[in-house]
């Protein structure tokens, strides 16, 4: 910041009137300099000398604040040597540099025209020598010589025009840079999107191969057994049922991938009842639950007709139930399916007494391709559940405790 204060008071710097004649040193320095200044280019030598007699000189070190934004404006300056910076909001954490003025440039000129406070802060960028002229002296001069007023007004007008042109040029340059940066950003985003799509495609391919291979292997085995037992209808029926279950599993996997790839869920609303939904879920998962030593209980506290996409809600409940089966492991347990009403919402709840989840796992449950079970799966199950429920205007809530179990509540608005 500044090493010296802003412009001093009028009494500290102003010469006493009447005007004095220029010294030889001042005449050799100020007069030729003012003669070359654009602000006074229309003046005669006598008029230049009158201006010079009203001027004062000061020197500023680097970092000196010449005047501060908002301060009283009573003089204007011309840079004889060095450079000064013009700042907006200089004392803010992020000030704006408006301009840098070098030799021959003037600043603070609006003090000659109006009596408003300073609109910016000016700081010496390097050691600088400045001429300054008080507004009162300037007004006395123009009362005596109107040509001086005309010259100064012409110079200020030129400066304003130049500033506007410089601003427009800078704006065009910035716009061109922004357009270039935007094009580069779009290109980078396109490349990143392509990379992410390839990565997602790779994950999809791996998951599809892994998850489809198991049911296909089971189907192949069932077909081989069916060929061996063509003459045993009772045993054939069991193999057909097992094959149908694996086909249903493949259909569910395909539907999950399709919904995820679309990025949206297209609902097909029908009238059904919670009892029908839970019965269908029980039928879909009972065989695998039984093999894992898991028993199923149902609590139908609400069983009135509801309007839902029954197929997708069924799929969501099957996903949750399958996660519960994995959480209960080989030791088995109990899966409870509940339906009840909470105000204007239907709640479909699943509860298990499996291993439960800690806070870290819960934080990632709805992320794509995330799985903590270690028993395989697409890693899309709970994301699909969330998408299906939210597409109905509902919400998913989870409660889990390690060693105790997990509750999953699917909330759906009741529609008339």
Protein backbone atom coordinates (compact mmCIF):
# COMPACT_ATOMS: atom_id res chain seq x y z
CA UNK A 1 0.00 0.00 0.00
CA UNK A 2 0.95 3.66 0.20
CA UNK A 3 4.16 4.83 1.75
CA UNK A 4 2.90 8.41 1.86
CA UNK A 5 -0.55 9.87 2.21
CA UNK A 6 -2.93 11.23 -0.42
CA UNK A 7 -2.93 14.77 -1.79
CA UNK A 8 -2.30 17.37 0.90
CA UNK A 9 -4.56 20.17 1.94
CA UNK A 10 -4.85 23.28 -0.13
CA UNK A 11 -3.04 25.35 2.51
CA UNK A 12 -0.06 22.96 2.51
CA UNK A 13 0.63 23.03 -1.23
CA UNK A 14 -0.96 26.02 -2.86
CA UNK A 15 1.06 29.12 -3.61
CA UNK A 16 -0.27 32.43 -2.35
CA UNK A 17 -1.86 34.71 -4.94
CA UNK A 18 -1.17 36.94 -6.80
CA UNK A 19 0.70 34.85 -9.33
CA UNK A 20 4.44 35.12 -9.52
CA UNK A 21 6.67 35.01 -12.58
CA UNK A 22 8.22 31.67 -13.49
CA UNK A 23 11.78 31.02 -12.45
CA UNK A 24 14.29 30.15 -15.15
CA UNK A 25 14.27 26.54 -14.00
CA UNK A 26 10.48 26.36 -14.11
CA UNK A 27 10.30 28.13 -17.46
CA UNK A 28 12.80 25.70 -18.99
CA UNK A 29 10.90 22.69 -17.53
CA UNK A 30 7.19 23.45 -17.28
CA UNK A 31 6.65 25.68 -20.29
CA UNK A 32 8.04 23.33 -22.97
CA UNK A 33 6.28 20.42 -21.31
CA UNK A 34 2.89 22.17 -21.25
CA UNK A 35 3.44 23.33 -24.81
CA UNK A 36 3.62 19.64 -25.87
CA UNK A 37 0.63 18.54 -23.77
CA UNK A 38 -2.44 17.73 -25.86
CA UNK A 39 -4.69 19.38 -23.30
CA UNK A 40 -3.17 22.81 -24.15
CA UNK A 41 -2.22 22.34 -27.80
CA UNK A 42 -4.60 25.09 -28.96
CA UNK A 43 -3.15 27.77 -26.68
CA UNK A 44 -0.76 30.57 -27.53
CA UNK A 45 2.60 30.86 -25.78
CA UNK A 46 1.23 33.63 -23.57
CA UNK A 47 -1.69 31.47 -22.54
CA UNK A 48 0.62 28.51 -21.87
CA UNK A 49 2.70 30.79 -19.67
CA UNK A 50 -0.43 31.84 -17.76
CA UNK A 51 -1.25 28.16 -17.13
CA UNK A 52 2.33 27.40 -16.10
CA UNK A 53 2.28 30.27 -13.59
CA UNK A 54 -0.71 28.59 -11.85
CA UNK A 55 0.85 25.15 -11.70
CA UNK A 56 2.73 23.49 -8.87
CA UNK A 57 5.05 20.50 -8.92
CA UNK A 58 5.43 17.53 -6.61
CA UNK A 59 7.34 14.26 -6.59
CA UNK A 60 5.98 10.90 -5.48
CA UNK A 61 7.72 7.66 -4.54
CA UNK A 62 6.53 4.22 -5.69
CA UNK A 63 3.42 3.21 -3.73
CA UNK A 64 2.46 6.76 -2.75
CA UNK A 65 -1.30 7.34 -2.88
CA UNK A 66 -1.87 10.58 -4.79
CA UNK A 67 -5.57 10.74 -4.04
CA UNK A 68 -8.20 8.33 -2.74
CA UNK A 69 -11.56 7.34 -4.19
CA UNK A 70 -14.31 9.33 -2.49
CA UNK A 71 -12.02 12.16 -1.39
CA UNK A 72 -12.54 15.84 -2.21
CA UNK A 73 -11.48 16.73 -5.76
CA UNK A 74 -9.88 20.18 -5.97
CA UNK A 75 -7.08 19.79 -8.57
CA UNK A 76 -5.99 17.85 -11.62
CA UNK A 77 -2.57 16.41 -12.52
CA UNK A 78 -0.24 15.92 -15.48
CA UNK A 79 2.50 13.29 -15.39
CA UNK A 80 5.90 14.83 -16.19
CA UNK A 81 8.01 11.79 -15.33
CA UNK A 82 7.24 8.24 -14.21
CA UNK A 83 3.95 6.38 -14.22
CA UNK A 84 0.82 6.24 -12.06
CA UNK A 85 -1.92 3.60 -11.69
CA UNK A 86 -5.66 4.29 -11.54
CA UNK A 87 -7.55 1.86 -9.29
CA UNK A 88 -11.19 1.20 -8.49
CA UNK A 89 -11.90 -0.17 -4.99
CA UNK A 90 -8.16 0.01 -4.22
CA UNK A 91 -8.50 -1.06 -0.58
CA UNK A 92 -10.77 -4.05 -1.32
CA UNK A 93 -9.32 -7.59 -1.37
CA UNK A 94 -9.70 -7.66 -5.16
CA UNK A 95 -9.27 -4.12 -6.56
CA UNK A 96 -9.64 -3.33 -10.29
CA UNK A 97 -6.82 -1.66 -12.22
CA UNK A 98 -8.44 0.80 -14.64
CA UNK A 99 -5.42 2.41 -16.32
CA UNK A 100 -1.71 3.23 -16.16
CA UNK A 101 -0.71 6.80 -17.14
CA UNK A 102 2.78 7.78 -18.26
CA UNK A 103 4.53 10.97 -19.28
CA UNK A 104 2.21 13.58 -20.80
CA UNK A 105 -1.00 11.98 -19.58
CA UNK A 106 -3.31 13.86 -17.23
CA UNK A 107 -5.67 12.53 -14.57
CA UNK A 108 -8.18 13.89 -12.06
CA UNK A 109 -9.36 16.28 -14.77
CA UNK A 110 -13.03 16.01 -13.76
CA UNK A 111 -12.13 18.21 -10.77
CA UNK A 112 -11.96 21.10 -13.25
CA UNK A 113 -15.57 20.55 -14.31
CA UNK A 114 -17.61 19.33 -11.36
CA UNK A 115 -17.28 19.25 -7.58
CA UNK A 116 -18.03 15.56 -7.07
CA UNK A 117 -15.75 13.29 -4.99
CA UNK A 118 -12.93 11.35 -6.64
CA UNK A 119 -14.21 8.30 -8.55
CA UNK A 120 -10.96 6.30 -8.29
CA UNK A 121 -7.70 5.99 -6.37
CA UNK A 122 -4.39 6.95 -8.04
CA UNK A 123 -1.10 5.45 -6.87
CA UNK A 124 2.46 6.13 -8.05
CA UNK A 125 3.75 3.03 -9.83
CA UNK A 126 7.31 4.35 -9.86
CA UNK A 127 9.06 7.54 -8.81
CA UNK A 128 7.02 10.22 -10.53
CA UNK A 129 7.11 13.99 -11.05
CA UNK A 130 3.67 15.60 -11.33
CA UNK A 131 2.33 19.04 -12.24
CA UNK A 132 -1.00 19.97 -10.69
CA UNK A 133 -3.46 22.82 -11.13
CA UNK A 134 -6.14 23.82 -8.63
CA UNK A 135 -9.75 24.09 -9.79
CA UNK A 136 -10.11 27.63 -8.38
CA UNK A 137 -7.04 28.82 -10.30
CA UNK A 138 -8.33 27.16 -13.46
CA UNK A 139 -11.70 28.86 -13.12
CA UNK A 140 -10.04 32.22 -12.64
CA UNK A 141 -7.98 31.60 -15.76
CA UNK A 142 -10.95 30.73 -17.95
CA UNK A 143 -12.79 33.82 -16.77
CA UNK A 144 -9.84 35.82 -18.10
CA UNK A 145 -9.18 33.67 -21.20
CA UNK A 146 -12.11 31.68 -22.60
CA UNK A 147 -9.76 30.08 -25.14
CA UNK A 148 -8.11 28.19 -22.29
CA UNK A 149 -11.48 26.67 -21.33
CA UNK A 150 -12.12 25.63 -24.95
CA UNK A 151 -8.71 23.99 -25.23
CA UNK A 152 -9.13 22.07 -21.98
CA UNK A 153 -12.65 20.95 -22.90
CA UNK A 154 -11.38 19.75 -26.28
CA UNK A 155 -8.59 17.82 -24.58
CA UNK A 156 -10.97 16.22 -22.06
CA UNK A 157 -13.36 15.30 -24.86
CA UNK A 158 -10.49 13.68 -26.75
CA UNK A 159 -9.48 11.75 -23.65
CA UNK A 160 -13.04 10.52 -23.09
CA UNK A 161 -13.29 9.41 -26.72
CA UNK A 162 -9.91 7.69 -26.50
CA UNK A 163 -10.90 5.99 -23.26
CA UNK A 164 -14.14 4.78 -24.84
CA UNK A 165 -12.30 3.44 -27.87
CA UNK A 166 -9.73 1.75 -25.64
CA UNK A 167 -12.54 0.27 -23.56
CA UNK A 168 -14.32 -1.04 -26.66
CA UNK A 169 -11.06 -2.46 -28.04
CA UNK A 170 -10.31 -4.10 -24.70
CA UNK A 171 -13.87 -5.44 -24.57
CA UNK A 172 -13.51 -6.90 -28.06
CA UNK A 173 -10.19 -8.45 -27.09
CA UNK A 174 -11.68 -9.93 -23.93
CA UNK A 175 -14.68 -11.23 -25.88
CA UNK A 176 -12.34 -12.86 -28.39
CA UNK A 177 -10.36 -14.42 -25.54
CA UNK A 178 -13.58 -15.60 -23.88
CA UNK A 179 -14.82 -17.10 -27.15
CA UNK A 180 -11.50 -18.89 -27.58
CA UNK A 181 -11.56 -20.09 -23.96
CA UNK A 182 -15.19 -21.20 -24.37
CA UNK A 183 -14.32 -23.15 -27.52
CA UNK A 184 -11.41 -24.80 -25.69
CA UNK A 185 -13.68 -25.57 -22.72
CA UNK A 186 -16.30 -27.13 -25.01
CA UNK A 187 -13.60 -29.19 -26.68
CA UNK A 188 -12.25 -30.29 -23.30
CA UNK A 189 -15.76 -31.11 -22.07
CA UNK A 190 -16.46 -33.10 -25.22
CA UNK A 191 -13.22 -35.02 -24.76
CA UNK A 192 -13.97 -35.62 -21.10
CA UNK A 193 -17.49 -36.77 -21.95
CA UNK A 194 -16.13 -39.12 -24.58
CA UNK A 195 -13.62 -40.49 -22.08
CA UNK A 196 -16.32 -40.91 -19.43
CA UNK A 197 -18.59 -42.64 -21.92
CA UNK A 198 -15.81 -45.03 -22.89
CA UNK A 199 -15.10 -45.65 -19.21
CA UNK A 200 -18.80 -46.23 -18.52
CA UNK A 201 -19.03 -48.47 -21.56
CA UNK A 202 -16.11 -50.47 -20.21
CA UNK A 203 -17.78 -50.80 -16.81
CA UNK A 204 -21.06 -51.75 -18.47
CA UNK A 205 -19.34 -54.36 -20.59
CA UNK A 206 -17.60 -55.87 -17.59
CA UNK A 207 -20.79 -55.89 -15.51
CA UNK A 208 -22.94 -57.25 -18.31
CA UNK A 209 -20.50 -60.07 -19.01
CA UNK A 210 -20.22 -60.90 -15.31
CA UNK A 211 -23.92 -60.74 -14.45
CA UNK A 212 -25.24 -62.35 -17.60
CA UNK A 213 -22.74 -65.19 -17.51
CA UNK A 214 -24.16 -66.66 -14.28
CA UNK A 215 -27.81 -67.00 -15.39
CA UNK A 216 -26.67 -68.17 -18.83
CA UNK A 217 -24.56 -70.89 -17.19
CA UNK A 218 -27.55 -71.95 -15.09
CA UNK A 219 -29.81 -71.97 -18.15
CA UNK A 220 -27.29 -74.06 -20.04
CA UNK A 221 -27.14 -76.56 -17.16
CA UNK A 222 -30.93 -76.73 -16.88
CA UNK A 223 -31.29 -77.36 -20.61
CA UNK A 224 -28.73 -80.17 -20.42
CA UNK A 225 -30.64 -81.73 -17.53
CA UNK A 226 -33.91 -81.35 -19.43
CA UNK A 227 -32.39 -83.20 -22.39
CA UNK A 228 -31.36 -86.01 -20.08
CA UNK A 229 -34.84 -86.25 -18.51
CA UNK A 230 -37.19 -85.83 -21.43
CA UNK A 231 -39.13 -88.83 -20.24
CA UNK A 232 -39.55 -87.54 -16.67
CA UNK A 233 -42.29 -84.84 -16.74
CA UNK A 234 -42.18 -84.09 -13.03
CA UNK A 235 -38.47 -83.39 -13.03
CA UNK A 236 -38.78 -81.45 -16.29
CA UNK A 237 -41.26 -79.10 -14.64
CA UNK A 238 -38.69 -78.20 -11.96
CA UNK A 239 -36.04 -77.50 -14.57
CA UNK A 240 -38.49 -75.32 -16.55
CA UNK A 241 -39.33 -73.32 -13.43
CA UNK A 242 -35.63 -72.80 -12.67
CA UNK A 243 -35.02 -71.75 -16.27
CA UNK A 244 -37.91 -69.27 -16.15
CA UNK A 245 -36.48 -67.74 -12.98
CA UNK A 246 -33.13 -67.17 -14.68
CA UNK A 247 -34.84 -65.67 -17.74
CA UNK A 248 -36.70 -63.29 -15.41
CA UNK A 249 -33.38 -62.40 -13.81
CA UNK A 250 -31.90 -61.63 -17.23
CA UNK A 251 -34.91 -59.46 -18.09
CA UNK A 252 -34.46 -57.51 -14.84
CA UNK A 253 -30.77 -56.94 -15.57
CA UNK A 254 -31.59 -55.75 -19.09
CA UNK A 255 -34.25 -53.36 -17.75
CA UNK A 256 -31.82 -51.90 -15.20
CA UNK A 257 -29.20 -51.24 -17.84
CA UNK A 258 -31.79 -49.72 -20.16
CA UNK A 259 -33.16 -47.35 -17.50
CA UNK A 260 -29.66 -46.28 -16.49
CA UNK A 261 -28.51 -45.70 -20.08
CA UNK A 262 -31.60 -43.56 -20.80
CA UNK A 263 -30.99 -41.44 -17.71
CA UNK A 264 -34.72 -41.37 -16.99
CA UNK A 265 -37.54 -43.69 -15.97
CA UNK A 266 -40.64 -43.82 -18.18
CA UNK A 267 -43.56 -44.85 -16.01
CA UNK A 268 -46.45 -47.04 -17.09
CA UNK A 269 -49.05 -46.34 -14.40
CA UNK A 270 -51.65 -48.98 -13.50
CA UNK A 271 -54.04 -49.67 -10.63
CA UNK A 272 -52.73 -52.27 -8.19
CA UNK A 273 -52.66 -52.97 -4.45
CA UNK A 274 -49.75 -53.23 -1.99
CA UNK A 275 -50.81 -56.82 -1.31
CA UNK A 276 -50.42 -57.76 -4.96
CA UNK A 277 -47.02 -56.06 -5.14
CA UNK A 278 -45.64 -57.78 -2.04
CA UNK A 279 -47.02 -61.16 -3.10
CA UNK A 280 -45.31 -60.84 -6.48
CA UNK A 281 -42.05 -59.86 -4.78
CA UNK A 282 -42.29 -62.85 -2.46
CA UNK A 283 -42.86 -65.17 -5.42
CA UNK A 284 -39.89 -63.71 -7.28
CA UNK A 285 -37.36 -64.03 -4.45
CA UNK A 286 -38.65 -66.95 -2.39
CA UNK A 287 -36.56 -69.64 -4.06
CA UNK A 288 -33.26 -67.81 -3.59
CA UNK A 289 -34.26 -66.76 -0.07
CA UNK A 290 -35.04 -70.33 0.87
CA UNK A 291 -31.70 -71.50 -0.51
CA UNK A 292 -30.00 -68.90 1.65
CA UNK A 293 -31.92 -69.82 4.80
CA UNK A 294 -33.97 -66.61 4.78
CA UNK A 295 -37.63 -66.60 5.78
CA UNK A 296 -40.11 -63.99 4.55
CA UNK A 297 -42.78 -62.26 6.62
CA UNK A 298 -45.43 -59.85 5.35
CA UNK A 299 -47.35 -57.14 7.21
CA UNK A 300 -50.18 -55.59 5.18
CA UNK A 301 -51.34 -52.60 7.22
CA UNK A 302 -52.59 -50.82 4.09
CA UNK A 303 -53.99 -52.69 1.09
CA UNK A 304 -56.19 -50.21 -0.76
CA UNK A 305 -55.93 -49.73 -4.55
CA UNK A 306 -53.03 -47.46 -5.58
CA UNK A 307 -51.79 -46.06 -8.90
CA UNK A 308 -48.18 -47.00 -9.60
CA UNK A 309 -45.92 -48.43 -12.27
CA UNK A 310 -46.37 -51.91 -10.81
CA UNK A 311 -43.62 -53.53 -12.88
CA UNK A 312 -40.96 -51.00 -11.91
CA UNK A 313 -41.99 -50.87 -8.25
CA UNK A 314 -41.81 -54.66 -8.23
CA UNK A 315 -38.30 -54.45 -9.67
CA UNK A 316 -37.29 -51.89 -7.04
CA UNK A 317 -38.54 -54.10 -4.22
CA UNK A 318 -36.78 -57.14 -5.69
CA UNK A 319 -33.52 -55.17 -5.80
CA UNK A 320 -33.90 -54.19 -2.14
CA UNK A 321 -34.87 -57.74 -1.15
CA UNK A 322 -31.86 -59.17 -3.00
CA UNK A 323 -29.56 -56.76 -1.14
CA UNK A 324 -31.14 -57.92 2.12
CA UNK A 325 -30.49 -61.57 1.19
CA UNK A 326 -26.82 -60.80 0.53
CA UNK A 327 -26.57 -58.89 3.84
CA UNK A 328 -27.91 -61.85 5.81
CA UNK A 329 -25.34 -64.17 4.25
CA UNK A 330 -25.24 -67.94 4.64
CA UNK A 331 -26.48 -67.87 8.23
CA UNK A 332 -29.87 -66.71 7.03
CA UNK A 333 -32.37 -64.49 8.80
CA UNK A 334 -35.74 -62.87 8.33
CA UNK A 335 -36.90 -60.47 5.62
CA UNK A 336 -40.00 -58.49 6.54
CA UNK A 337 -42.12 -56.83 3.83
CA UNK A 338 -44.52 -54.14 5.08
CA UNK A 339 -47.11 -51.80 3.61
CA UNK A 340 -48.73 -48.96 5.55
CA UNK A 341 -50.00 -45.43 5.15
CA UNK A 342 -48.27 -42.33 6.46
CA UNK A 343 -50.51 -39.31 5.88
CA UNK A 344 -50.95 -38.98 2.12
CA UNK A 345 -48.13 -41.42 1.36
CA UNK A 346 -47.90 -45.16 0.85
CA UNK A 347 -44.88 -46.72 2.54
CA UNK A 348 -43.46 -50.00 1.26
CA UNK A 349 -40.82 -51.13 3.72
CA UNK A 350 -38.29 -53.95 3.81
CA UNK A 351 -36.43 -54.89 6.99
CA UNK A 352 -33.71 -57.48 7.53
CA UNK A 353 -31.56 -58.60 10.44
CA UNK A 354 -28.38 -58.87 8.39
CA UNK A 355 -24.93 -57.39 8.86
CA UNK A 356 -26.08 -53.78 8.44
CA UNK A 357 -24.11 -50.86 7.01
CA UNK A 358 -21.83 -48.26 8.54
CA UNK A 359 -21.98 -44.53 7.76
CA UNK A 360 -19.33 -44.75 5.05
CA UNK A 361 -21.20 -47.44 3.11
CA UNK A 362 -24.52 -45.58 3.53
CA UNK A 363 -22.95 -42.46 2.01
CA UNK A 364 -22.24 -44.36 -1.24
CA UNK A 365 -25.34 -46.55 -1.48
CA UNK A 366 -26.91 -44.61 -4.37
CA UNK A 367 -23.73 -44.17 -6.42
CA UNK A 368 -23.58 -46.06 -9.73
CA UNK A 369 -21.38 -49.18 -9.84
CA UNK A 370 -20.93 -49.15 -6.06
CA UNK A 371 -21.30 -52.48 -4.25
CA UNK A 372 -20.15 -53.41 -0.76
CA UNK A 373 -21.59 -56.93 -0.62
CA UNK A 374 -18.68 -58.74 -2.24
CA UNK A 375 -21.23 -61.10 -3.87
CA UNK A 376 -21.31 -59.53 -7.30
CA UNK A 377 -24.01 -57.41 -8.88
CA UNK A 378 -24.19 -54.46 -11.24
CA UNK A 379 -23.77 -51.82 -8.56
CA UNK A 380 -26.84 -50.12 -10.04
CA UNK A 381 -29.51 -51.73 -7.83
CA UNK A 382 -30.10 -48.96 -5.29
CA UNK A 383 -29.61 -46.22 -7.90
CA UNK A 384 -32.38 -47.84 -9.96
CA UNK A 385 -34.55 -48.06 -6.82
CA UNK A 386 -34.02 -44.35 -6.14
CA UNK A 387 -34.74 -43.37 -9.75
CA UNK A 388 -37.96 -45.41 -9.84
CA UNK A 389 -39.28 -44.03 -6.56
CA UNK A 390 -38.37 -40.42 -7.38
CA UNK A 391 -39.98 -40.77 -10.82
CA UNK A 392 -43.23 -41.41 -8.89
CA UNK A 393 -42.63 -38.23 -6.87
CA UNK A 394 -41.57 -40.24 -3.83
CA UNK A 395 -38.42 -40.71 -1.77
CA UNK A 396 -36.17 -43.46 -0.41
CA UNK A 397 -35.05 -43.56 3.23
CA UNK A 398 -32.54 -45.95 4.75
CA UNK A 399 -31.79 -46.86 8.32
CA UNK A 400 -29.00 -49.27 9.10
CA UNK A 401 -26.78 -50.30 11.98
CA UNK A 402 -23.81 -52.69 11.77
CA UNK A 403 -24.66 -56.05 13.36
CA UNK A 404 -28.36 -55.19 13.67
CA UNK A 405 -29.78 -54.90 10.15
CA UNK A 406 -31.24 -52.51 7.61
CA UNK A 407 -34.62 -50.89 6.95
CA UNK A 408 -35.47 -49.44 3.55
CA UNK A 409 -38.58 -47.27 3.20
CA UNK A 410 -40.00 -46.52 -0.24
CA UNK A 411 -42.45 -43.60 0.00
CA UNK A 412 -45.03 -43.01 -2.77
CA UNK A 413 -47.65 -40.24 -2.94
CA UNK A 414 -51.19 -41.64 -2.91
CA UNK A 415 -53.03 -40.61 -6.05
CA UNK A 416 -56.79 -40.40 -6.41
